[in-house]
């Protein structure tokens, strides 16, 4: 596995015990994971749709379409595994963690809004990367462990790509300041989530 969990620049690291709680209902966890991959693909295409001329156009378009393609492929993989485990993708899905993060977006403020959207996208990928690592280390099922291990590199790459794009929208100094603000906010938000079999759940007390 490329990289180590301690190398991730999160303001708060999830305790290993989280993995056991999340794996208490594998079908529910896989359903949640599949929806997150679907939303990640949609997010990349939404950024492209709302800001079609951001950054050098060729790089912007190529980068976001590649991310959307990766996430769609992950969706297919997780959905197939979900079906083999007797589950199916539910019609409705809520992710309070992502919703709470998006409340921090400075709406209607041009480049500041775009930078926030890119940084929050990066944060979600970063936290997912950390959670995949924990699940790969603690899943007793070899098939699940292999799945989460295989997704580490992709999520790790995506979080860095969104950061790089943000640094092309605004000065690196201002992006760095906002990034550190949002890292602290993300740590507070993820700790406040209810426990359960989901990728961005909190810890049971």
N, C-alpha and C. Protein backbone atom coordinates (compact mmCIF):
# COMPACT_ATOMS: atom_id res chain seq x y z
N UNK A 1 0.85 -1.18 0.00
CA UNK A 1 0.00 0.00 0.00
C UNK A 1 0.88 1.24 0.00
N UNK A 2 0.63 2.14 -0.91
CA UNK A 2 1.44 3.35 -1.00
C UNK A 2 1.07 4.29 0.15
N UNK A 3 2.10 4.79 0.81
CA UNK A 3 1.85 5.77 1.86
C UNK A 3 1.44 5.13 3.17
N UNK A 4 1.37 5.96 4.20
CA UNK A 4 0.97 5.51 5.53
C UNK A 4 -0.11 6.44 6.05
N UNK A 5 -0.91 5.92 6.94
CA UNK A 5 -2.02 6.71 7.46
C UNK A 5 -1.51 7.95 8.21
N UNK A 6 -0.34 7.84 8.86
CA UNK A 6 0.21 8.97 9.60
C UNK A 6 0.67 10.09 8.69
N UNK A 7 0.82 9.81 7.40
CA UNK A 7 1.25 10.83 6.45
C UNK A 7 0.10 11.72 5.98
N UNK A 8 -1.13 11.34 6.28
CA UNK A 8 -2.27 12.11 5.82
C UNK A 8 -2.41 13.37 6.69
N UNK A 9 -2.58 14.53 6.08
CA UNK A 9 -2.58 15.79 6.85
C UNK A 9 -3.91 16.13 7.50
N UNK A 10 -4.51 15.15 8.17
CA UNK A 10 -5.77 15.38 8.85
C UNK A 10 -5.52 15.98 10.22
N UNK A 11 -6.45 16.80 10.67
CA UNK A 11 -6.32 17.40 12.01
C UNK A 11 -6.70 16.42 13.11
N UNK A 12 -7.40 15.36 12.75
CA UNK A 12 -7.78 14.31 13.71
C UNK A 12 -7.78 12.99 12.99
N UNK A 13 -7.09 11.99 13.57
CA UNK A 13 -7.03 10.66 12.98
C UNK A 13 -8.05 9.75 13.65
N UNK A 14 -8.76 8.99 12.83
CA UNK A 14 -9.78 8.08 13.34
C UNK A 14 -9.14 6.94 14.12
N UNK A 15 -9.64 6.65 15.33
CA UNK A 15 -9.12 5.50 16.07
C UNK A 15 -9.40 4.19 15.33
N UNK A 16 -8.51 3.21 15.42
CA UNK A 16 -8.73 1.93 14.73
C UNK A 16 -10.03 1.25 15.11
N UNK A 17 -10.53 1.51 16.32
CA UNK A 17 -11.77 0.88 16.77
C UNK A 17 -12.95 1.25 15.87
N UNK A 18 -12.85 2.36 15.17
CA UNK A 18 -13.93 2.76 14.26
C UNK A 18 -14.22 1.68 13.24
N UNK A 19 -13.18 1.02 12.74
CA UNK A 19 -13.36 0.03 11.66
C UNK A 19 -14.27 -1.11 12.11
N UNK A 20 -14.09 -1.59 13.33
CA UNK A 20 -14.93 -2.67 13.83
C UNK A 20 -16.39 -2.24 13.88
N UNK A 21 -16.64 -1.01 14.31
CA UNK A 21 -18.02 -0.51 14.35
C UNK A 21 -18.60 -0.38 12.95
N UNK A 22 -17.82 0.14 12.02
CA UNK A 22 -18.30 0.33 10.65
C UNK A 22 -18.57 -1.00 9.96
N UNK A 23 -17.79 -2.02 10.30
CA UNK A 23 -17.93 -3.33 9.66
C UNK A 23 -19.01 -4.19 10.32
N UNK A 24 -19.75 -3.61 11.26
CA UNK A 24 -20.79 -4.39 11.95
C UNK A 24 -21.93 -4.77 11.01
N UNK A 25 -22.11 -4.04 9.93
CA UNK A 25 -23.13 -4.35 8.92
C UNK A 25 -22.51 -4.08 7.55
N UNK A 26 -21.91 -5.12 6.97
CA UNK A 26 -21.15 -4.96 5.73
C UNK A 26 -22.03 -4.52 4.58
N UNK A 27 -23.25 -5.03 4.49
CA UNK A 27 -24.14 -4.64 3.39
C UNK A 27 -24.47 -3.15 3.47
N UNK A 28 -24.78 -2.66 4.66
CA UNK A 28 -25.06 -1.24 4.82
C UNK A 28 -23.83 -0.39 4.50
N UNK A 29 -22.66 -0.86 4.91
CA UNK A 29 -21.42 -0.13 4.64
C UNK A 29 -21.16 -0.06 3.13
N UNK A 30 -21.35 -1.17 2.44
CA UNK A 30 -21.14 -1.18 0.99
C UNK A 30 -22.15 -0.30 0.26
N UNK A 31 -23.38 -0.30 0.73
CA UNK A 31 -24.40 0.57 0.12
C UNK A 31 -24.00 2.04 0.29
N UNK A 32 -23.58 2.40 1.50
CA UNK A 32 -23.14 3.77 1.75
C UNK A 32 -21.94 4.11 0.86
N UNK A 33 -21.00 3.21 0.78
CA UNK A 33 -19.79 3.42 -0.03
C UNK A 33 -20.16 3.63 -1.50
N UNK A 34 -21.06 2.80 -2.02
CA UNK A 34 -21.47 2.94 -3.42
C UNK A 34 -22.08 4.31 -3.69
N UNK A 35 -22.92 4.76 -2.79
CA UNK A 35 -23.53 6.09 -2.96
C UNK A 35 -22.46 7.19 -2.93
N UNK A 36 -21.45 7.03 -2.09
CA UNK A 36 -20.39 8.03 -2.03
C UNK A 36 -19.61 8.08 -3.34
N UNK A 37 -19.37 6.93 -3.95
CA UNK A 37 -18.68 6.91 -5.24
C UNK A 37 -19.56 7.59 -6.31
N UNK A 38 -20.86 7.34 -6.26
CA UNK A 38 -21.77 7.97 -7.21
C UNK A 38 -21.75 9.49 -7.05
N UNK A 39 -21.79 9.93 -5.80
CA UNK A 39 -21.80 11.37 -5.55
C UNK A 39 -20.46 12.01 -5.91
N UNK A 40 -19.38 11.27 -5.74
CA UNK A 40 -18.07 11.81 -6.10
C UNK A 40 -17.96 12.01 -7.61
N UNK A 41 -18.50 11.07 -8.37
CA UNK A 41 -18.51 11.23 -9.83
C UNK A 41 -19.37 12.42 -10.23
N UNK A 42 -20.53 12.55 -9.61
CA UNK A 42 -21.42 13.67 -9.90
C UNK A 42 -20.78 15.01 -9.52
N UNK A 43 -20.04 15.01 -8.41
CA UNK A 43 -19.39 16.25 -7.96
C UNK A 43 -18.37 16.73 -8.98
N UNK A 44 -17.58 15.82 -9.52
CA UNK A 44 -16.57 16.21 -10.51
C UNK A 44 -17.23 16.80 -11.75
N UNK A 45 -18.31 16.17 -12.20
CA UNK A 45 -19.01 16.68 -13.39
C UNK A 45 -19.73 17.99 -13.09
N UNK A 46 -20.21 18.15 -11.85
CA UNK A 46 -20.87 19.39 -11.47
C UNK A 46 -19.88 20.56 -11.47
N UNK A 47 -18.67 20.32 -10.97
CA UNK A 47 -17.63 21.36 -11.00
C UNK A 47 -17.33 21.77 -12.44
N UNK A 48 -17.27 20.78 -13.30
CA UNK A 48 -16.99 21.05 -14.71
C UNK A 48 -18.13 21.83 -15.35
N UNK A 49 -19.35 21.50 -14.97
CA UNK A 49 -20.52 22.17 -15.54
C UNK A 49 -20.66 23.60 -15.06
N UNK A 50 -20.41 23.83 -13.76
CA UNK A 50 -20.59 25.16 -13.19
C UNK A 50 -19.45 26.13 -13.50
N UNK A 51 -18.25 25.58 -13.66
CA UNK A 51 -17.08 26.42 -13.96
C UNK A 51 -16.34 25.85 -15.18
N UNK A 52 -16.95 25.89 -16.35
CA UNK A 52 -16.36 25.24 -17.53
C UNK A 52 -15.05 25.88 -17.99
N UNK A 53 -14.80 27.13 -17.59
CA UNK A 53 -13.61 27.84 -18.08
C UNK A 53 -12.56 28.06 -17.00
N UNK A 54 -12.67 27.34 -15.87
CA UNK A 54 -11.70 27.52 -14.79
C UNK A 54 -10.36 26.89 -15.16
N UNK A 55 -9.27 27.44 -14.57
CA UNK A 55 -7.94 26.92 -14.79
C UNK A 55 -7.59 26.91 -16.28
N UNK A 56 -6.43 26.40 -16.67
CA UNK A 56 -6.21 26.15 -18.10
C UNK A 56 -7.27 25.16 -18.58
N UNK A 57 -8.12 25.55 -19.54
CA UNK A 57 -9.30 24.74 -19.88
C UNK A 57 -9.02 23.27 -20.14
N UNK A 58 -7.97 22.96 -20.89
CA UNK A 58 -7.71 21.55 -21.22
C UNK A 58 -7.42 20.74 -19.96
N UNK A 59 -6.60 21.29 -19.08
CA UNK A 59 -6.26 20.57 -17.85
C UNK A 59 -7.48 20.42 -16.96
N UNK A 60 -8.28 21.47 -16.82
CA UNK A 60 -9.48 21.44 -16.00
C UNK A 60 -10.44 20.36 -16.47
N UNK A 61 -10.73 20.36 -17.76
CA UNK A 61 -11.67 19.39 -18.32
C UNK A 61 -11.12 17.98 -18.21
N UNK A 62 -9.87 17.79 -18.61
CA UNK A 62 -9.29 16.44 -18.59
C UNK A 62 -9.21 15.88 -17.17
N UNK A 63 -8.82 16.73 -16.22
CA UNK A 63 -8.67 16.27 -14.84
C UNK A 63 -10.00 15.85 -14.25
N UNK A 64 -11.00 16.69 -14.39
CA UNK A 64 -12.30 16.39 -13.78
C UNK A 64 -13.00 15.22 -14.46
N UNK A 65 -12.85 15.09 -15.76
CA UNK A 65 -13.47 13.93 -16.43
C UNK A 65 -12.78 12.63 -16.02
N UNK A 66 -11.48 12.67 -15.80
CA UNK A 66 -10.77 11.48 -15.34
C UNK A 66 -11.19 11.09 -13.93
N UNK A 67 -11.38 12.10 -13.06
CA UNK A 67 -11.86 11.80 -11.71
C UNK A 67 -13.26 11.18 -11.77
N UNK A 68 -14.13 11.76 -12.58
CA UNK A 68 -15.49 11.22 -12.71
C UNK A 68 -15.45 9.78 -13.22
N UNK A 69 -14.57 9.51 -14.17
CA UNK A 69 -14.43 8.15 -14.70
C UNK A 69 -13.96 7.18 -13.62
N UNK A 70 -12.95 7.59 -12.85
CA UNK A 70 -12.46 6.74 -11.76
C UNK A 70 -13.57 6.43 -10.77
N UNK A 71 -14.31 7.45 -10.37
CA UNK A 71 -15.35 7.26 -9.36
C UNK A 71 -16.48 6.38 -9.89
N UNK A 72 -16.82 6.55 -11.18
CA UNK A 72 -17.85 5.69 -11.78
C UNK A 72 -17.40 4.24 -11.81
N UNK A 73 -16.13 4.01 -12.09
CA UNK A 73 -15.60 2.64 -12.08
C UNK A 73 -15.65 2.06 -10.67
N UNK A 74 -15.32 2.87 -9.69
CA UNK A 74 -15.42 2.40 -8.29
C UNK A 74 -16.86 2.07 -7.93
N UNK A 75 -17.78 2.89 -8.39
CA UNK A 75 -19.20 2.63 -8.15
C UNK A 75 -19.60 1.27 -8.69
N UNK A 76 -19.16 0.96 -9.91
CA UNK A 76 -19.50 -0.34 -10.51
C UNK A 76 -18.91 -1.49 -9.69
N UNK A 77 -17.68 -1.34 -9.24
CA UNK A 77 -17.02 -2.40 -8.46
C UNK A 77 -17.76 -2.63 -7.14
N UNK A 78 -18.05 -1.55 -6.43
CA UNK A 78 -18.69 -1.68 -5.12
C UNK A 78 -20.11 -2.19 -5.26
N UNK A 79 -20.82 -1.75 -6.29
CA UNK A 79 -22.20 -2.20 -6.50
C UNK A 79 -22.24 -3.70 -6.80
N UNK A 80 -21.28 -4.18 -7.59
CA UNK A 80 -21.23 -5.63 -7.86
C UNK A 80 -20.97 -6.41 -6.58
N UNK A 81 -20.06 -5.91 -5.76
CA UNK A 81 -19.77 -6.59 -4.50
C UNK A 81 -20.98 -6.54 -3.57
N UNK A 82 -21.66 -5.42 -3.55
CA UNK A 82 -22.89 -5.29 -2.76
C UNK A 82 -23.92 -6.33 -3.18
N UNK A 83 -24.09 -6.50 -4.49
CA UNK A 83 -25.07 -7.47 -4.99
C UNK A 83 -24.68 -8.89 -4.60
N UNK A 84 -23.38 -9.20 -4.66
CA UNK A 84 -22.94 -10.55 -4.29
C UNK A 84 -23.16 -10.82 -2.81
N UNK A 85 -23.22 -9.75 -2.02
CA UNK A 85 -23.48 -9.91 -0.57
C UNK A 85 -24.97 -9.87 -0.24
N UNK A 86 -25.82 -9.87 -1.27
CA UNK A 86 -27.26 -9.91 -1.04
C UNK A 86 -27.91 -8.55 -0.87
N UNK A 87 -27.19 -7.48 -1.17
CA UNK A 87 -27.76 -6.14 -1.04
C UNK A 87 -28.02 -5.50 -2.38
N UNK A 88 -28.60 -4.33 -2.35
CA UNK A 88 -28.81 -3.55 -3.56
C UNK A 88 -28.73 -2.07 -3.22
N UNK A 89 -28.39 -1.28 -4.22
CA UNK A 89 -28.25 0.16 -4.01
C UNK A 89 -29.60 0.77 -3.67
N UNK A 90 -29.68 1.44 -2.54
CA UNK A 90 -30.95 2.04 -2.13
C UNK A 90 -31.25 3.28 -2.97
N UNK A 91 -32.52 3.63 -3.00
CA UNK A 91 -32.92 4.81 -3.78
C UNK A 91 -32.47 6.10 -3.09
N UNK A 92 -32.60 6.14 -1.79
CA UNK A 92 -32.29 7.36 -1.04
C UNK A 92 -31.01 7.17 -0.23
N UNK A 93 -30.27 8.25 -0.06
CA UNK A 93 -29.05 8.20 0.73
C UNK A 93 -28.74 9.59 1.25
N UNK A 94 -28.40 9.68 2.53
CA UNK A 94 -28.02 10.96 3.12
C UNK A 94 -26.62 10.84 3.68
N UNK A 95 -25.86 11.89 3.53
CA UNK A 95 -24.51 11.95 4.08
C UNK A 95 -24.38 13.27 4.84
N UNK A 96 -24.67 13.22 6.14
CA UNK A 96 -24.66 14.45 6.94
C UNK A 96 -23.28 15.06 7.01
N UNK A 97 -22.27 14.18 6.99
CA UNK A 97 -20.88 14.65 7.03
C UNK A 97 -20.59 15.60 5.87
N UNK A 98 -20.89 15.16 4.64
CA UNK A 98 -20.63 16.00 3.47
C UNK A 98 -21.52 17.23 3.49
N UNK A 99 -22.77 17.06 3.92
CA UNK A 99 -23.69 18.21 3.97
C UNK A 99 -23.19 19.27 4.95
N UNK A 100 -22.67 18.82 6.10
CA UNK A 100 -22.14 19.76 7.08
C UNK A 100 -20.91 20.48 6.55
N UNK A 101 -20.05 19.76 5.85
CA UNK A 101 -18.87 20.38 5.26
C UNK A 101 -19.27 21.44 4.23
N UNK A 102 -20.27 21.14 3.43
CA UNK A 102 -20.65 22.06 2.36
C UNK A 102 -21.32 23.33 2.89
N UNK A 103 -21.73 23.31 4.14
CA UNK A 103 -22.24 24.54 4.75
C UNK A 103 -21.14 25.59 4.89
N UNK A 104 -19.88 25.15 4.81
CA UNK A 104 -18.75 26.06 4.94
C UNK A 104 -18.41 26.77 3.63
N UNK A 105 -19.04 26.39 2.54
CA UNK A 105 -18.74 26.99 1.24
C UNK A 105 -19.20 28.45 1.22
N UNK A 106 -18.34 29.33 0.75
CA UNK A 106 -18.66 30.75 0.67
C UNK A 106 -19.42 31.00 -0.65
N UNK A 107 -20.71 30.73 -0.60
CA UNK A 107 -21.55 30.78 -1.80
C UNK A 107 -21.60 32.18 -2.40
N UNK A 108 -21.62 32.23 -3.73
CA UNK A 108 -21.77 33.49 -4.43
C UNK A 108 -20.56 34.40 -4.38
N UNK A 109 -19.40 33.85 -4.02
CA UNK A 109 -18.20 34.68 -3.89
C UNK A 109 -17.12 34.31 -4.91
N UNK A 110 -17.59 33.91 -6.10
CA UNK A 110 -16.69 33.70 -7.22
C UNK A 110 -15.60 32.69 -6.96
N UNK A 111 -14.35 33.16 -7.06
CA UNK A 111 -13.22 32.25 -6.91
C UNK A 111 -13.14 31.66 -5.50
N UNK A 112 -13.58 32.40 -4.50
CA UNK A 112 -13.59 31.86 -3.14
C UNK A 112 -14.53 30.67 -3.03
N UNK A 113 -15.69 30.77 -3.68
CA UNK A 113 -16.61 29.63 -3.67
C UNK A 113 -15.99 28.43 -4.36
N UNK A 114 -15.36 28.65 -5.51
CA UNK A 114 -14.75 27.53 -6.23
C UNK A 114 -13.63 26.90 -5.41
N UNK A 115 -12.79 27.71 -4.80
CA UNK A 115 -11.72 27.18 -3.96
C UNK A 115 -12.30 26.34 -2.83
N UNK A 116 -13.35 26.83 -2.18
CA UNK A 116 -13.97 26.06 -1.10
C UNK A 116 -14.51 24.72 -1.60
N UNK A 117 -15.14 24.74 -2.76
CA UNK A 117 -15.68 23.48 -3.31
C UNK A 117 -14.55 22.49 -3.61
N UNK A 118 -13.45 22.99 -4.13
CA UNK A 118 -12.32 22.11 -4.43
C UNK A 118 -11.67 21.59 -3.15
N UNK A 119 -11.52 22.45 -2.15
CA UNK A 119 -10.90 22.02 -0.90
C UNK A 119 -11.78 21.04 -0.14
N UNK A 120 -13.07 21.25 -0.16
CA UNK A 120 -13.97 20.31 0.51
C UNK A 120 -13.99 18.98 -0.23
N UNK A 121 -13.94 19.02 -1.55
CA UNK A 121 -13.82 17.78 -2.32
C UNK A 121 -12.54 17.05 -1.92
N UNK A 122 -11.45 17.80 -1.76
CA UNK A 122 -10.19 17.21 -1.35
C UNK A 122 -10.28 16.60 0.04
N UNK A 123 -10.93 17.31 0.96
CA UNK A 123 -11.08 16.81 2.33
C UNK A 123 -11.88 15.51 2.39
N UNK A 124 -12.95 15.43 1.61
CA UNK A 124 -13.76 14.21 1.60
C UNK A 124 -12.95 13.04 1.07
N UNK A 125 -12.16 13.27 0.02
CA UNK A 125 -11.29 12.22 -0.51
C UNK A 125 -10.23 11.83 0.52
N UNK A 126 -9.69 12.82 1.21
CA UNK A 126 -8.66 12.57 2.22
C UNK A 126 -9.19 11.72 3.36
N UNK A 127 -10.36 12.07 3.88
CA UNK A 127 -10.95 11.28 4.96
C UNK A 127 -11.31 9.88 4.47
N UNK A 128 -11.81 9.76 3.24
CA UNK A 128 -12.13 8.45 2.69
C UNK A 128 -10.87 7.60 2.57
N UNK A 129 -9.78 8.23 2.16
CA UNK A 129 -8.50 7.55 2.06
C UNK A 129 -8.10 6.96 3.41
N UNK A 130 -8.22 7.75 4.45
CA UNK A 130 -7.90 7.28 5.79
C UNK A 130 -8.80 6.11 6.19
N UNK A 131 -10.09 6.24 5.90
CA UNK A 131 -11.03 5.18 6.30
C UNK A 131 -10.79 3.89 5.50
N UNK A 132 -10.45 4.01 4.22
CA UNK A 132 -10.13 2.81 3.43
C UNK A 132 -8.93 2.09 4.03
N UNK A 133 -7.94 2.86 4.46
CA UNK A 133 -6.77 2.26 5.09
C UNK A 133 -7.16 1.45 6.32
N UNK A 134 -7.97 2.06 7.19
CA UNK A 134 -8.39 1.36 8.41
C UNK A 134 -9.18 0.11 8.09
N UNK A 135 -10.09 0.21 7.13
CA UNK A 135 -10.90 -0.96 6.78
C UNK A 135 -10.05 -2.06 6.17
N UNK A 136 -9.07 -1.69 5.35
CA UNK A 136 -8.19 -2.71 4.74
C UNK A 136 -7.37 -3.42 5.80
N UNK A 137 -7.03 -2.70 6.87
CA UNK A 137 -6.22 -3.29 7.94
C UNK A 137 -7.03 -4.16 8.88
N UNK A 138 -8.33 -3.88 9.01
CA UNK A 138 -9.12 -4.53 10.06
C UNK A 138 -10.26 -5.40 9.54
N UNK A 139 -10.55 -5.38 8.25
CA UNK A 139 -11.62 -6.23 7.73
C UNK A 139 -11.20 -7.70 7.81
N UNK A 140 -11.99 -8.53 8.48
CA UNK A 140 -11.63 -9.95 8.56
C UNK A 140 -11.86 -10.69 7.25
N UNK A 141 -12.66 -10.10 6.38
CA UNK A 141 -13.00 -10.70 5.08
C UNK A 141 -11.92 -10.31 4.07
N UNK A 142 -11.19 -11.28 3.49
CA UNK A 142 -10.11 -10.96 2.55
C UNK A 142 -10.58 -10.18 1.33
N UNK A 143 -11.80 -10.45 0.85
CA UNK A 143 -12.30 -9.74 -0.32
C UNK A 143 -12.51 -8.25 -0.02
N UNK A 144 -13.06 -7.97 1.16
CA UNK A 144 -13.25 -6.58 1.56
C UNK A 144 -11.91 -5.89 1.79
N UNK A 145 -11.00 -6.58 2.45
CA UNK A 145 -9.69 -6.00 2.71
C UNK A 145 -8.99 -5.65 1.39
N UNK A 146 -9.11 -6.51 0.41
CA UNK A 146 -8.50 -6.26 -0.90
C UNK A 146 -9.14 -5.06 -1.59
N UNK A 147 -10.46 -4.95 -1.50
CA UNK A 147 -11.16 -3.82 -2.10
C UNK A 147 -10.65 -2.50 -1.52
N UNK A 148 -10.64 -2.40 -0.20
CA UNK A 148 -10.28 -1.13 0.42
C UNK A 148 -8.80 -0.80 0.19
N UNK A 149 -7.97 -1.82 0.18
CA UNK A 149 -6.55 -1.59 -0.10
C UNK A 149 -6.36 -1.06 -1.51
N UNK A 150 -7.13 -1.60 -2.45
CA UNK A 150 -6.98 -1.19 -3.85
C UNK A 150 -7.43 0.25 -4.08
N UNK A 151 -8.33 0.76 -3.23
CA UNK A 151 -8.86 2.10 -3.42
C UNK A 151 -8.01 3.19 -2.76
N UNK A 152 -7.08 2.79 -1.92
CA UNK A 152 -6.23 3.77 -1.22
C UNK A 152 -5.54 4.72 -2.20
N UNK A 153 -4.82 4.17 -3.17
CA UNK A 153 -4.00 5.00 -4.06
C UNK A 153 -4.86 5.98 -4.85
N UNK A 154 -6.03 5.52 -5.29
CA UNK A 154 -6.90 6.39 -6.08
C UNK A 154 -7.39 7.57 -5.26
N UNK A 155 -7.89 7.32 -4.06
CA UNK A 155 -8.39 8.40 -3.22
C UNK A 155 -7.25 9.34 -2.81
N UNK A 156 -6.09 8.77 -2.55
CA UNK A 156 -4.94 9.58 -2.19
C UNK A 156 -4.57 10.52 -3.34
N UNK A 157 -4.63 9.99 -4.56
CA UNK A 157 -4.35 10.83 -5.72
C UNK A 157 -5.39 11.90 -5.92
N UNK A 158 -6.66 11.58 -5.71
CA UNK A 158 -7.73 12.55 -5.92
C UNK A 158 -7.64 13.72 -4.95
N UNK A 159 -7.32 13.44 -3.69
CA UNK A 159 -7.25 14.55 -2.73
C UNK A 159 -6.15 15.52 -3.14
N UNK A 160 -5.04 15.01 -3.66
CA UNK A 160 -3.95 15.87 -4.10
C UNK A 160 -4.32 16.65 -5.36
N UNK A 161 -5.08 16.02 -6.25
CA UNK A 161 -5.49 16.69 -7.49
C UNK A 161 -6.39 17.88 -7.18
N UNK A 162 -7.37 17.70 -6.29
CA UNK A 162 -8.26 18.81 -5.95
C UNK A 162 -7.47 19.95 -5.29
N UNK A 163 -6.48 19.62 -4.47
CA UNK A 163 -5.64 20.65 -3.88
C UNK A 163 -4.86 21.41 -4.95
N UNK A 164 -4.32 20.67 -5.90
CA UNK A 164 -3.56 21.30 -6.98
C UNK A 164 -4.43 22.24 -7.79
N UNK A 165 -5.65 21.81 -8.09
CA UNK A 165 -6.56 22.67 -8.84
C UNK A 165 -6.89 23.94 -8.07
N UNK A 166 -7.08 23.80 -6.76
CA UNK A 166 -7.38 24.99 -5.94
C UNK A 166 -6.25 26.00 -6.01
N UNK A 167 -5.02 25.52 -6.03
CA UNK A 167 -3.87 26.41 -6.08
C UNK A 167 -3.70 27.11 -7.42
N UNK A 168 -4.45 26.68 -8.42
CA UNK A 168 -4.44 27.36 -9.72
C UNK A 168 -5.55 28.40 -9.81
N UNK A 169 -6.49 28.33 -8.88
CA UNK A 169 -7.61 29.28 -8.87
C UNK A 169 -7.26 30.52 -8.07
N UNK A 170 -6.48 30.33 -7.00
CA UNK A 170 -6.15 31.43 -6.09
C UNK A 170 -4.70 31.26 -5.63
N UNK A 171 -4.14 32.27 -5.04
CA UNK A 171 -2.74 32.21 -4.63
C UNK A 171 -2.54 31.08 -3.62
N UNK A 172 -1.41 30.36 -3.73
CA UNK A 172 -1.14 29.27 -2.79
C UNK A 172 -1.20 29.69 -1.33
N UNK A 173 -0.79 30.92 -1.03
CA UNK A 173 -0.83 31.38 0.37
C UNK A 173 -2.26 31.41 0.89
N UNK A 174 -3.17 31.97 0.09
CA UNK A 174 -4.57 32.05 0.53
C UNK A 174 -5.22 30.67 0.57
N UNK A 175 -4.86 29.83 -0.38
CA UNK A 175 -5.39 28.46 -0.37
C UNK A 175 -4.92 27.72 0.87
N UNK A 176 -3.65 27.87 1.22
CA UNK A 176 -3.10 27.20 2.41
C UNK A 176 -3.82 27.64 3.68
N UNK A 177 -4.07 28.94 3.80
CA UNK A 177 -4.78 29.46 4.97
C UNK A 177 -6.18 28.84 5.07
N UNK A 178 -6.88 28.83 3.95
CA UNK A 178 -8.24 28.28 3.95
C UNK A 178 -8.22 26.77 4.19
N UNK A 179 -7.23 26.08 3.63
CA UNK A 179 -7.09 24.64 3.81
C UNK A 179 -6.95 24.30 5.29
N UNK A 180 -6.12 25.03 6.02
CA UNK A 180 -5.93 24.75 7.44
C UNK A 180 -7.20 25.06 8.25
N UNK A 181 -7.92 26.10 7.86
CA UNK A 181 -9.20 26.38 8.51
C UNK A 181 -10.17 25.21 8.33
N UNK A 182 -10.24 24.72 7.10
CA UNK A 182 -11.20 23.65 6.80
C UNK A 182 -10.76 22.31 7.39
N UNK A 183 -9.46 22.08 7.53
CA UNK A 183 -9.00 20.87 8.19
C UNK A 183 -9.50 20.82 9.64
N UNK A 184 -9.44 21.93 10.34
CA UNK A 184 -9.93 21.97 11.72
C UNK A 184 -11.44 21.79 11.77
N UNK A 185 -12.13 22.41 10.81
CA UNK A 185 -13.59 22.27 10.76
C UNK A 185 -13.99 20.84 10.46
N UNK A 186 -13.29 20.21 9.52
CA UNK A 186 -13.58 18.81 9.16
C UNK A 186 -13.39 17.89 10.35
N UNK A 187 -12.34 18.12 11.12
CA UNK A 187 -12.09 17.27 12.30
C UNK A 187 -13.25 17.36 13.29
N UNK A 188 -13.75 18.57 13.49
CA UNK A 188 -14.89 18.75 14.39
C UNK A 188 -16.14 18.07 13.84
N UNK A 189 -16.36 18.22 12.54
CA UNK A 189 -17.57 17.66 11.92
C UNK A 189 -17.55 16.14 11.95
N UNK A 190 -16.44 15.52 11.59
CA UNK A 190 -16.42 14.06 11.53
C UNK A 190 -16.57 13.45 12.91
N UNK A 191 -16.03 14.10 13.94
CA UNK A 191 -16.19 13.58 15.30
C UNK A 191 -17.63 13.70 15.79
N UNK A 192 -18.40 14.62 15.21
CA UNK A 192 -19.77 14.83 15.65
C UNK A 192 -20.78 13.91 14.97
N UNK A 193 -20.32 13.10 14.01
CA UNK A 193 -21.25 12.24 13.28
C UNK A 193 -21.71 11.06 14.15
N UNK A 194 -22.92 10.58 13.92
CA UNK A 194 -23.38 9.40 14.68
C UNK A 194 -22.61 8.16 14.25
N UNK A 195 -22.45 7.20 15.14
CA UNK A 195 -21.76 5.96 14.77
C UNK A 195 -22.62 5.10 13.86
N UNK A 196 -21.98 4.15 13.21
CA UNK A 196 -22.74 3.22 12.37
C UNK A 196 -21.94 2.75 11.19
N UNK A 197 -22.56 1.89 10.36
CA UNK A 197 -21.86 1.29 9.22
C UNK A 197 -21.86 2.22 8.00
N UNK A 198 -21.11 3.30 8.09
CA UNK A 198 -20.96 4.22 6.97
C UNK A 198 -19.54 4.74 6.93
N UNK A 199 -19.09 5.18 5.76
CA UNK A 199 -17.71 5.57 5.57
C UNK A 199 -17.31 6.79 6.41
N UNK A 200 -18.25 7.66 6.66
CA UNK A 200 -17.92 8.90 7.37
C UNK A 200 -18.63 8.99 8.72
N UNK A 201 -18.90 7.85 9.32
CA UNK A 201 -19.57 7.83 10.62
C UNK A 201 -18.61 8.24 11.73
N UNK A 202 -19.22 8.59 12.87
CA UNK A 202 -18.43 8.91 14.05
C UNK A 202 -18.17 7.67 14.88
N UNK A 203 -17.71 7.90 16.10
CA UNK A 203 -17.38 6.81 17.01
C UNK A 203 -18.45 6.67 18.07
N UNK A 204 -18.78 5.43 18.41
CA UNK A 204 -19.69 5.21 19.54
C UNK A 204 -18.97 5.58 20.83
N UNK A 205 -19.69 6.19 21.74
CA UNK A 205 -19.07 6.60 23.01
C UNK A 205 -18.87 5.39 23.91
